[in-house]
Protein backbone atom coordinates (compact mmCIF):
# COMPACT_ATOMS: atom_id res chain seq x y z
CA MET A 1 -29.53 19.40 -2.55
CA ALA A 2 -27.07 18.88 -5.20
CA ARG A 3 -23.95 16.92 -4.40
CA GLU A 4 -21.66 20.07 -4.23
CA GLY A 5 -23.82 21.75 -1.90
CA ARG A 6 -23.78 18.81 -0.08
CA SER A 7 -20.10 18.12 -0.28
CA GLY A 8 -19.27 21.58 0.89
CA GLY A 9 -21.43 21.01 4.00
CA ARG A 10 -19.42 17.78 4.98
CA ARG A 11 -15.91 20.09 4.32
CA GLY A 12 -17.74 22.79 6.89
CA ARG A 13 -18.62 20.24 9.38
CA ALA A 14 -15.08 18.59 8.68
CA ALA A 15 -13.12 22.23 9.55
CA ALA A 16 -15.46 23.01 12.66
CA ASN A 17 -14.56 19.55 13.51
CA ALA A 18 -11.19 20.33 13.03
CA ALA A 19 -10.93 23.28 14.69
CA GLU A 20 -12.38 21.89 18.09
CA ALA A 21 -10.10 19.43 17.85
CA GLN A 22 -8.05 18.37 21.32
CA PRO A 23 -4.27 19.50 21.06
CA ARG A 24 -1.65 17.17 19.83
CA ALA A 25 -0.05 15.01 22.50
CA ALA A 26 3.68 15.07 22.38
CA TYR A 27 3.35 11.38 23.08
CA ILE A 28 1.22 8.00 24.58
CA LYS A 29 1.02 8.32 28.02
CA ARG A 30 -0.85 4.94 29.06
CA LYS A 31 -3.54 4.65 31.29
CA ILE A 32 -3.99 0.62 30.61
CA PRO A 33 -1.65 -1.62 31.98
CA PRO A 34 0.54 -3.75 30.21
CA TYR A 35 -0.25 -6.88 29.78
CA GLU A 36 1.86 -10.10 30.03
CA VAL A 37 1.73 -13.58 28.60
CA LEU A 38 4.20 -14.97 31.37
CA GLY A 39 4.89 -15.22 34.78
CA ASP A 40 7.82 -14.25 36.55
CA ALA A 41 9.13 -17.80 36.86
CA ASP A 42 8.93 -17.89 32.88
CA LEU A 43 10.71 -14.68 32.68
CA ALA A 44 13.34 -16.02 34.81
CA THR A 45 13.71 -19.10 32.42
CA ILE A 46 14.69 -16.73 29.58
CA GLU A 47 16.37 -14.71 31.67
CA ASP A 48 18.88 -17.47 33.04
CA ASN A 49 19.19 -19.21 29.28
CA ALA A 50 20.12 -15.83 28.24
CA GLU A 51 23.05 -15.74 30.96
CA THR A 52 23.82 -19.06 29.51
CA ILE A 53 23.85 -17.80 25.81
CA LEU A 54 26.51 -14.94 26.72
CA SER A 55 28.69 -17.31 29.62
CA GLU A 56 29.17 -20.59 27.78
CA ILE A 57 28.30 -19.53 23.71
CA GLY A 58 29.36 -16.14 23.69
CA ILE A 59 28.79 -13.38 20.99
CA ASP A 60 31.40 -12.64 17.99
CA ILE A 61 32.56 -9.04 17.66
CA LYS A 62 33.96 -9.08 14.46
CA ASP A 63 37.03 -6.25 13.10
CA ASP A 64 36.87 -4.53 16.67
CA PRO A 65 39.53 -5.29 18.98
CA GLU A 66 38.73 -2.21 20.98
CA THR A 67 35.53 -3.21 21.76
CA ILE A 68 37.19 -6.54 22.48
CA GLU A 69 39.63 -4.90 24.50
CA ILE A 70 37.02 -2.85 26.72
CA PHE A 71 34.91 -5.67 27.57
CA VAL A 72 37.66 -7.67 28.84
CA LYS A 73 38.49 -4.94 31.13
CA ALA A 74 35.63 -5.42 32.40
CA GLY A 75 35.57 -8.75 33.31
CA ALA A 76 34.44 -10.73 30.34
CA THR A 77 37.01 -13.66 28.34
CA ALA A 78 37.78 -13.71 24.94
CA ASP A 79 38.93 -16.55 22.36
CA GLY A 80 39.90 -14.19 19.36
CA GLU A 81 36.53 -12.58 18.52
CA ARG A 82 34.33 -14.96 19.99
CA VAL A 83 33.62 -13.27 23.60
CA ARG A 84 32.34 -14.69 26.50
CA PHE A 85 30.47 -12.88 29.37
CA PRO A 86 30.27 -14.10 32.98
CA ARG A 87 26.77 -14.73 34.43
CA GLY A 88 25.59 -11.40 35.31
CA MET A 89 28.18 -9.16 33.93
CA CYS A 90 25.99 -7.39 31.30
CA ARG A 91 23.16 -7.20 33.48
CA ASN A 92 24.91 -5.54 35.88
CA LEU A 93 26.51 -2.86 34.26
CA ILE A 94 23.22 -1.63 32.85
CA GLN A 95 21.07 -2.26 35.62
CA ALA A 96 24.28 -0.05 37.80
CA THR A 97 24.04 3.48 35.23
CA ALA A 98 21.21 2.85 32.60
CA PRO A 99 18.47 5.84 32.97
CA ARG A 100 15.15 3.57 33.06
CA GLN A 101 13.16 6.58 31.27
CA PHE A 102 14.77 9.26 29.67
CA THR A 103 13.95 12.59 27.69
CA GLN A 104 14.83 13.14 23.81
CA HIS A 105 14.67 16.98 23.14
CA ALA A 106 13.84 18.26 20.13
CA ARG A 107 14.34 21.17 19.05
CA ASN A 108 10.53 22.39 19.71
CA PRO A 109 10.28 21.69 22.82
CA ALA A 110 6.83 21.13 22.72
CA ASN A 111 7.68 17.96 21.09
CA ASN A 112 9.98 16.62 23.49
CA VAL A 113 9.28 13.01 24.10
CA GLU A 114 9.64 10.98 27.33
CA ILE A 115 10.80 7.28 26.43
CA GLY A 116 10.38 4.76 29.14
CA GLY A 117 7.96 4.00 31.90
CA ASP A 118 4.24 3.91 30.74
CA ASN A 119 4.82 6.40 27.52
CA THR A 120 4.82 5.69 23.71
CA VAL A 121 6.39 7.26 21.40
CA LEU A 122 5.38 6.14 17.87
CA VAL A 123 7.57 6.64 15.25
CA PRO A 124 7.86 6.43 11.22
CA ALA A 125 8.93 3.07 9.29
CA TYR A 126 12.98 3.14 8.50
CA GLY A 127 15.54 1.77 6.20
CA SER A 128 13.35 1.11 2.62
CA PRO A 129 15.05 1.40 -0.53
CA PHE A 130 11.63 2.16 -2.34
CA VAL A 131 8.59 3.88 -2.15
CA TYR A 132 5.53 3.00 -3.66
CA SER A 133 2.20 5.19 -4.16
CA ARG A 134 -1.07 4.27 -6.12
CA GLU A 135 -0.13 6.60 -8.69
CA GLU A 136 3.48 5.79 -9.77
CA GLY A 137 3.81 1.80 -8.45
CA ARG A 138 7.10 0.87 -6.35
CA ARG A 139 11.12 2.80 -7.63
CA TYR A 140 13.64 3.42 -6.08
CA ALA A 141 13.13 6.08 -3.36
CA THR A 142 14.81 9.66 -3.70
CA ILE A 143 15.56 12.16 -1.84
CA GLU A 144 12.18 14.53 -2.38
CA ASP A 145 10.74 11.39 -1.43
CA PHE A 146 12.29 11.45 1.76
CA ARG A 147 11.58 14.73 2.33
CA ASN A 148 7.70 14.10 1.67
CA PHE A 149 8.01 11.22 4.65
CA VAL A 150 9.36 13.74 6.76
CA LYS A 151 6.87 16.52 5.95
CA LEU A 152 4.35 13.53 6.71
CA ALA A 153 5.58 12.73 9.78
CA TYR A 154 5.95 16.38 11.16
CA MET A 155 2.05 16.76 9.71
CA ALA A 156 1.06 13.78 11.65
CA ASP A 157 -0.36 14.46 15.61
CA SER A 158 -0.69 10.71 15.42
CA LEU A 159 3.15 10.18 15.13
CA HIS A 160 5.49 11.56 18.19
CA HIS A 161 8.86 11.83 16.30
CA SER A 162 10.00 12.56 12.57
CA GLY A 163 12.22 8.92 12.92
CA GLY A 164 15.56 8.45 10.94
CA THR A 165 16.44 6.73 7.70
CA ILE A 166 12.77 6.78 6.76
CA CYS A 167 13.68 6.17 3.33
CA GLU A 168 17.23 5.40 1.51
CA PRO A 169 18.05 8.50 -1.10
CA VAL A 170 19.90 6.14 -3.29
CA ASP A 171 19.30 9.18 -6.23
CA LEU A 172 22.81 10.67 -3.51
CA PRO A 173 26.47 8.70 -3.03
CA VAL A 174 25.74 6.47 0.10
CA ASN A 175 28.76 8.02 2.09
CA LYS A 176 27.13 11.51 1.82
CA ARG A 177 23.32 10.99 1.90
CA HIS A 178 23.20 11.23 5.51
CA PHE A 179 24.06 14.92 5.48
CA ASP A 180 20.59 15.41 3.42
CA MET A 181 18.79 12.73 5.52
CA VAL A 182 20.00 14.84 8.76
CA TYR A 183 19.07 17.65 7.18
CA SER A 184 15.74 17.10 6.19
CA HIS A 185 14.75 16.04 9.63
CA ILE A 186 16.13 19.35 10.85
CA LYS A 187 14.81 21.99 8.09
CA TYR A 188 11.54 20.42 7.45
CA SER A 189 10.40 19.20 11.06
CA ASP A 190 10.92 20.22 14.87
CA LYS A 191 9.90 17.05 16.30
CA ALA A 192 12.94 14.36 17.36
CA PHE A 193 14.66 12.65 14.90
CA MET A 194 17.38 9.81 14.58
CA GLY A 195 21.08 10.14 13.53
CA SER A 196 23.07 8.05 11.11
CA VAL A 197 24.95 4.50 11.81
CA THR A 198 26.40 3.27 8.48
CA HIS A 199 29.88 4.55 9.60
CA PRO A 200 31.15 5.93 13.15
CA ASP A 201 32.09 8.74 10.92
CA ARG A 202 28.37 9.26 9.98
CA ALA A 203 27.57 9.18 13.51
CA GLU A 204 30.34 12.09 14.59
CA ASP A 205 28.76 13.97 11.68
CA SER A 206 24.85 13.74 13.33
CA VAL A 207 26.20 14.74 16.03
CA ALA A 208 27.71 17.51 14.96
CA MET A 209 24.85 18.82 13.00
CA ALA A 210 22.73 18.25 16.19
CA LYS A 211 25.29 20.63 18.15
CA ILE A 212 24.76 23.37 15.27
CA VAL A 213 21.17 23.26 16.37
CA PHE A 214 21.30 22.41 20.24
CA GLY A 215 24.59 23.38 21.26
CA ASP A 216 27.85 21.74 22.56
CA ASP A 217 27.04 21.65 25.96
CA PHE A 218 23.50 20.99 25.58
CA VAL A 219 24.01 17.68 24.01
CA ASP A 220 26.42 16.81 26.04
CA GLN A 221 24.18 16.73 29.12
CA ASN A 222 20.91 15.79 27.01
CA CYS A 223 19.73 13.35 24.68
CA VAL A 224 18.85 14.94 20.99
CA LEU A 225 19.48 11.63 19.03
CA ILE A 226 18.45 7.98 19.35
CA ASN A 227 20.40 5.67 16.74
CA LEU A 228 19.75 2.33 15.89
CA ILE A 229 22.57 -0.09 16.51
CA ASN A 230 22.15 -3.56 15.15
CA ALA A 231 22.91 -7.18 16.18
CA ASN A 232 24.28 -9.44 12.85
CA SER A 233 22.07 -11.99 14.40
CA PRO A 234 22.72 -14.88 15.21
CA MET A 235 25.15 -13.43 17.90
CA THR A 236 27.41 -11.23 16.13
CA PHE A 237 28.22 -7.53 15.86
CA ASP A 238 30.23 -6.04 13.69
CA ASP A 239 32.43 -3.31 13.54
CA THR A 240 30.40 -0.68 11.89
CA MET A 241 27.18 -0.90 14.35
CA LEU A 242 29.34 -1.18 17.27
CA GLY A 243 32.01 1.99 16.28
CA SER A 244 28.41 4.49 15.63
CA LEU A 245 27.27 3.02 19.21
CA LYS A 246 30.39 3.86 20.48
CA VAL A 247 30.36 7.34 18.93
CA TYR A 248 27.01 8.26 20.05
CA ALA A 249 27.65 6.89 23.81
CA LYS A 250 30.35 9.10 24.56
CA HIS A 251 28.51 11.65 23.26
CA ASN A 252 26.13 10.66 25.78
CA GLN A 253 23.03 9.86 22.78
CA ALA A 254 20.97 7.15 22.79
CA VAL A 255 21.53 3.69 21.36
CA MET A 256 18.61 1.53 20.57
CA VAL A 257 20.23 -2.12 20.54
CA SER A 258 17.83 -4.51 18.04
CA PRO A 259 18.62 -7.29 17.52
CA PHE A 260 17.09 -8.43 13.87
CA ILE A 261 15.65 -11.90 13.85
CA VAL A 262 14.20 -13.88 11.07
CA ALA A 263 12.89 -16.89 13.66
CA GLY A 264 14.11 -20.10 12.02
CA ALA A 265 16.69 -18.64 10.18
CA MET A 266 18.85 -16.41 12.63
CA SER A 267 17.49 -18.02 15.80
CA PRO A 268 15.72 -21.47 16.46
CA VAL A 269 12.02 -21.26 15.20
CA THR A 270 10.64 -21.22 19.06
CA VAL A 271 9.31 -18.20 20.88
CA ALA A 272 11.33 -18.73 24.34
CA ALA A 273 14.44 -19.57 22.49
CA VAL A 274 14.31 -16.17 20.24
CA ALA A 275 13.65 -14.41 23.51
CA ALA A 276 16.45 -15.92 24.90
CA GLN A 277 18.73 -14.57 22.22
CA SER A 278 17.46 -11.51 21.96
CA LEU A 279 17.96 -11.04 25.60
CA ALA A 280 21.64 -11.94 25.06
CA GLU A 281 22.23 -9.94 22.06
CA GLY A 282 20.90 -6.78 23.49
CA MET A 283 22.66 -6.38 26.44
CA VAL A 284 25.95 -6.86 25.07
CA GLY A 285 24.99 -3.86 23.24
CA MET A 286 23.13 -2.18 26.17
CA SER A 287 26.19 -2.93 28.77
CA LEU A 288 28.75 -1.58 26.05
CA ALA A 289 27.27 1.86 25.48
CA GLN A 290 27.31 2.07 29.60
CA LEU A 291 31.56 0.91 29.71
CA VAL A 292 31.48 3.96 27.51
CA ARG A 293 30.17 5.99 29.34
CA PRO A 294 28.29 5.33 31.94
CA GLY A 295 24.43 6.86 32.26
CA ALA A 296 24.24 6.90 28.82
CA PRO A 297 20.39 6.12 27.46
CA VAL A 298 19.99 2.74 26.18
CA ILE A 299 16.34 1.31 24.93
CA TYR A 300 16.74 -2.87 24.38
CA GLY A 301 15.03 -3.82 21.37
CA ASN A 302 13.91 -6.36 18.81
CA PHE A 303 12.28 -7.18 15.26
CA VAL A 304 11.25 -9.89 14.94
CA SER A 305 9.52 -11.54 12.44
CA SER A 306 9.32 -15.36 11.44
CA MET A 307 9.60 -17.38 8.31
CA SER A 308 7.53 -18.59 6.07
CA MET A 309 8.71 -22.59 5.67
CA GLN A 310 7.67 -23.14 2.64
CA SER A 311 9.39 -20.29 0.93
CA GLY A 312 12.00 -19.12 3.39
CA ALA A 313 10.50 -15.26 2.90
CA PRO A 314 10.04 -13.37 6.37
CA THR A 315 6.63 -13.29 7.21
CA PHE A 316 4.73 -10.45 9.64
CA GLY A 317 1.69 -9.93 12.17
CA SER A 318 1.94 -13.52 13.18
CA PRO A 319 1.18 -14.81 16.51
CA GLU A 320 4.14 -15.81 17.24
CA ALA A 321 6.11 -12.62 16.68
CA SER A 322 3.36 -10.86 19.15
CA LEU A 323 4.08 -13.57 21.48
CA VAL A 324 7.91 -12.32 21.27
CA ILE A 325 7.21 -8.43 21.58
CA ASN A 326 5.13 -9.01 24.53
CA THR A 327 7.93 -11.51 26.28
CA GLY A 328 10.52 -8.64 25.16
CA ALA A 329 8.75 -6.17 26.85
CA ALA A 330 8.07 -7.60 30.04
CA LEU A 331 12.11 -8.79 29.61
CA ALA A 332 12.77 -5.11 29.53
CA ARG A 333 11.02 -4.34 32.19
CA ARG A 334 12.73 -6.06 34.69
CA LEU A 335 15.78 -5.42 33.38
CA GLY A 336 15.00 -1.82 34.24
CA VAL A 337 15.63 0.00 30.44
CA PRO A 338 12.97 1.14 27.86
CA PHE A 339 12.26 -1.22 24.96
CA ARG A 340 11.71 -1.18 21.54
CA SER A 341 9.81 -3.20 19.37
CA ALA A 342 6.24 -3.90 16.96
CA GLY A 343 5.12 -1.15 14.08
CA GLY A 344 2.76 -1.56 11.15
CA PHE A 345 4.51 -4.91 9.45
CA THR A 346 3.56 -6.36 6.76
CA ALA A 347 4.90 -8.11 3.94
CA SER A 348 2.11 -7.17 2.04
CA LYS A 349 3.44 -5.25 -1.47
CA VAL A 350 0.30 -2.81 -1.73
CA PRO A 351 -1.80 -1.42 1.02
CA ASP A 352 -4.33 -4.02 0.59
CA ALA A 353 -6.25 -6.04 3.21
CA GLN A 354 -3.47 -8.24 4.50
CA ALA A 355 -1.00 -4.70 4.44
CA ALA A 356 -4.16 -3.53 7.17
CA TYR A 357 -4.28 -6.38 9.32
CA GLU A 358 -0.86 -7.61 9.44
CA ALA A 359 0.04 -4.18 10.66
CA ALA A 360 -2.97 -3.80 12.77
CA ASN A 361 -2.32 -7.10 14.24
CA THR A 362 1.44 -5.55 15.18
CA LEU A 363 0.26 -1.99 16.06
CA GLN A 364 -2.39 -3.30 18.68
CA GLN A 365 -0.11 -6.18 20.21
CA GLY A 366 2.85 -3.69 20.65
CA LEU A 367 0.31 -1.47 22.88
CA LEU A 368 -0.62 -4.17 24.62
CA ALA A 369 2.86 -5.49 25.96
CA GLY A 370 3.58 -2.43 26.86
CA VAL A 371 6.25 -0.84 24.20
CA ASN A 372 8.10 2.10 24.66
CA PHE A 373 9.53 3.12 21.50
CA MET A 374 7.63 1.78 18.15
CA LEU A 375 9.67 2.09 15.23
CA HIS A 376 8.04 1.06 12.00
CA THR A 377 4.97 2.51 13.06
CA ALA A 378 3.78 4.38 9.41
CA GLY A 379 4.47 3.24 5.76
CA TRP A 380 6.21 -0.25 6.01
CA LEU A 381 5.46 -2.21 3.06
CA GLU A 382 7.22 -5.32 1.53
CA GLY A 383 8.64 -6.50 4.42
CA GLY A 384 10.10 -3.28 4.92
CA LEU A 385 11.54 -2.98 1.75
CA ALA A 386 9.43 -0.75 0.21
CA MET A 387 7.87 2.65 2.40
CA GLY A 388 4.11 3.39 1.06
CA TYR A 389 2.73 6.86 0.57
CA GLU A 390 -1.05 5.47 0.84
CA LYS A 391 0.27 2.81 4.06
CA PHE A 392 1.95 5.77 5.77
CA VAL A 393 -1.14 7.88 6.38
CA MET A 394 -3.70 4.89 6.76
CA ASP A 395 -1.02 4.04 9.66
CA CYS A 396 -1.43 6.95 11.09
CA ASP A 397 -4.79 6.87 11.07
CA GLN A 398 -4.56 3.26 12.87
CA ALA A 399 -1.88 5.10 15.43
CA ALA A 400 -4.64 7.68 16.22
CA MET A 401 -7.24 4.88 17.17
CA MET A 402 -4.14 3.70 19.54
CA ALA A 403 -3.65 6.44 21.62
CA VAL A 404 -7.43 6.20 22.58
CA TYR A 405 -7.41 2.99 23.34
CA ALA A 406 -4.16 4.02 25.56
CA ASN A 407 -6.17 6.38 27.17
CA GLY A 408 -8.31 3.67 28.71
CA VAL A 409 -11.73 4.25 29.96
CA ASP A 410 -13.10 7.28 31.42
CA MET A 411 -14.77 7.31 34.93
CA THR A 412 -15.34 10.34 35.24
CA GLU A 413 -18.76 11.91 36.54
CA ASN A 414 -19.29 12.35 32.93
CA GLY A 415 -17.60 9.16 31.80
CA GLN A 416 -19.96 7.51 33.95
CA ALA A 417 -22.78 9.49 32.31
CA MET A 418 -25.67 9.02 34.86
CA ASP A 419 -27.13 11.78 34.45
CA ALA A 420 -27.98 11.14 30.77
CA LEU A 421 -29.66 7.24 31.96
CA ARG A 422 -31.43 9.58 34.63
CA GLU A 423 -32.71 11.95 32.06
CA VAL A 424 -33.72 9.62 29.03
CA GLY A 425 -35.25 6.39 31.24
CA PRO A 426 -36.40 3.49 29.29
CA GLY A 427 -37.73 3.21 26.02
CA GLN A 428 -36.12 6.68 24.75
CA HIS A 429 -33.51 7.27 22.57
CA PHE A 430 -30.35 9.29 23.99
CA LEU A 431 -29.44 11.60 20.50
CA GLY A 432 -31.01 14.89 21.46
CA CYS A 433 -29.81 14.32 25.71
CA SER A 434 -27.90 16.89 27.00
CA HIS A 435 -24.96 14.37 27.44
CA THR A 436 -25.02 13.08 23.93
CA GLN A 437 -25.07 17.58 22.61
CA ALA A 438 -22.11 18.35 25.26
CA ASN A 439 -20.21 15.42 24.01
CA PHE A 440 -20.89 14.00 21.02
CA LYS A 441 -17.98 15.84 19.16
CA SER A 442 -15.53 14.37 20.61
CA ALA A 443 -17.32 11.07 22.18
CA PHE A 444 -15.83 8.88 19.16
CA TYR A 445 -12.93 8.56 17.35
CA ARG A 446 -13.20 9.97 13.62
CA SER A 447 -10.91 7.85 10.76
CA THR A 448 -9.36 10.06 8.58
CA ILE A 449 -9.78 6.92 6.30
CA ALA A 450 -12.38 4.72 6.56
CA ASP A 451 -15.99 5.35 4.42
CA ASN A 452 -18.97 4.85 6.73
CA ASN A 453 -21.82 6.18 4.84
CA SER A 454 -24.40 4.27 2.92
CA TYR A 455 -23.35 2.46 -0.39
CA GLU A 456 -25.15 5.08 -2.27
CA GLN A 457 -23.61 8.09 -0.55
CA TRP A 458 -20.51 6.03 -1.06
CA VAL A 459 -21.19 5.65 -5.25
CA GLU A 460 -22.32 9.14 -5.59
CA ASP A 461 -19.00 10.27 -3.61
CA GLY A 462 -16.91 7.92 -6.20
CA SER A 463 -17.05 4.80 -5.28
CA LEU A 464 -13.20 5.08 -3.74
CA SER A 465 -11.46 2.56 -1.74
CA ALA A 466 -9.94 2.79 1.31
CA GLU A 467 -6.32 3.36 -1.11
CA ASP A 468 -7.78 5.89 -2.76
CA ARG A 469 -8.97 7.76 0.18
CA ALA A 470 -5.47 7.71 1.24
CA GLU A 471 -3.77 8.99 -1.95
CA LYS A 472 -6.10 11.90 -1.67
CA LEU A 473 -5.24 12.14 1.93
CA TYR A 474 -1.33 12.44 1.48
CA LYS A 475 -1.35 14.53 -1.65
CA GLN A 476 -3.82 16.87 0.15
CA LEU A 477 -0.95 17.18 3.38
CA LEU A 478 1.89 17.60 1.11
CA SER A 479 -0.14 20.52 -0.12
CA ASP A 480 -1.13 22.48 2.59
CA TYR A 481 2.26 21.16 4.42
CA VAL A 482 3.69 24.59 5.95
CA PRO A 483 7.62 24.30 7.52
CA PRO A 484 8.45 24.86 11.00
CA ALA A 485 10.46 27.84 11.50
CA LEU A 486 14.34 27.19 12.09
CA ASP A 487 17.05 30.01 12.82
CA PRO A 488 18.38 31.51 9.40
CA GLU A 489 21.61 31.57 10.78
CA ILE A 490 21.34 28.02 12.35
CA ASP A 491 20.36 26.92 8.95
CA ALA A 492 23.41 28.50 7.21
CA ARG A 493 25.89 26.93 9.65
CA LEU A 494 24.25 23.44 8.92
CA VAL A 495 24.49 24.20 5.30
CA GLU A 496 27.76 25.34 5.59
CA PHE A 497 28.93 22.74 7.44
CA MET A 498 27.82 19.83 4.76
CA GLU A 499 28.92 21.56 1.77
CA THR A 500 32.80 21.90 3.95
CA ARG A 501 32.24 17.98 5.17
CA LYS A 502 30.94 16.83 1.27
CA ALA A 503 33.95 18.69 -0.07
CA SER A 504 36.77 16.92 1.43
CA PHE A 505 36.11 13.22 0.58
CA PRO A 506 34.99 12.06 -2.98
CA ASP A 507 31.99 10.64 -3.75
CA SER A 508 31.12 6.88 -3.17
CA ASN A 509 27.94 4.46 -3.42
CA ILE A 510 29.74 1.45 -1.45
CA SER A 511 28.80 1.53 1.25
């Protein structure tokens, strides 16, 4: 048979398999228990150390007297910008009113995600100023790249969320690009998305745009935005992050308080110390949200990497970072809040073997730890400086595998397959038996990237590397993209809002 004919046959089989694929899940419902590396006594020690940090060392609140006043009225003490919290104060505030689990609503209700409990939501990477592709190499990101990644995330069944600042569109003014980013999430996807946090006014703009889509009353009573609030580790918050936190909490929108720690530079080098410091910083932000509006949804996050003691550069996929992720997840469960961590992290500059094993290490450890919101699942390259097109679809393939693993072992009658064992018996093969015929299309995960053909077939197909295959896949996905429906009236109101707001102040490239 000619090669073209065989290729067509493979395409036909792929189309048939796709037609029989299971409907996508809005998020992962884990059927496997979390794995914890520390027992209750050790976790209690770390919690006690976090309380010591808060009560004796304190947290600096920079340029934000309003937040200091809020904390002091609640029982903290302040010495200038240094705020100290009585033991148990932050924990008690969080446990009194913060929800253990909550729904983030998408404009398509089928894409609502449940955050907390035994659920895992997989989310694209966030914040890269550069993009990388095999064809064009590394370059600054544009709004067109941003739209492309929103489209890819929308089309990826293994991703449950549209994300936030998937990449920084540096071709737009710093003080106005948030309008186009939030609009892109609304226009080109109907999955849940994140708001802007780079200034309190931009947070207000994000809420205003969400209200155009969902309605004022709905937004006031439901979470439609999740927002990343980073501490300036070690043990510092600034007015920009806390200002945005207060805006979102006031509007009952979720804040994901995430210390950003490179161990050895922004914390001590040990796992226990990083865990305690991160917990202390996280509790400060989450307790502030409860003081602004009791019951506002919060997520405890940590972003942790270690530092190369030779170069000072951050490293990823390390065993120490995995231990911090695992410990942080256990601490979040004890605190009673959802947990964010892990992702497809790598320091590699291209989607090579280093990128694959570093990303896989962190993704899998996050799943086993019980992470609820996995920001940076797909696309991360170069320590977060670049968003990779090929890496994005490679990571989506890994994410789909994680969902299969999280579903656990099928212990139904079909899963036990005793009928097949009886039918075939000793010394025969199972290829033609009834059970195999009934299950073969869904029995095993089929990778969108991996090549499992013979060497000869691989050569005949062009000797493509994983990066080559990923390039073909992302380009095909963008070619096949069809936008979700958006009410024309809502679209017009969003455009009018953006144009009016943009015209009300001058462009600036200062953050």
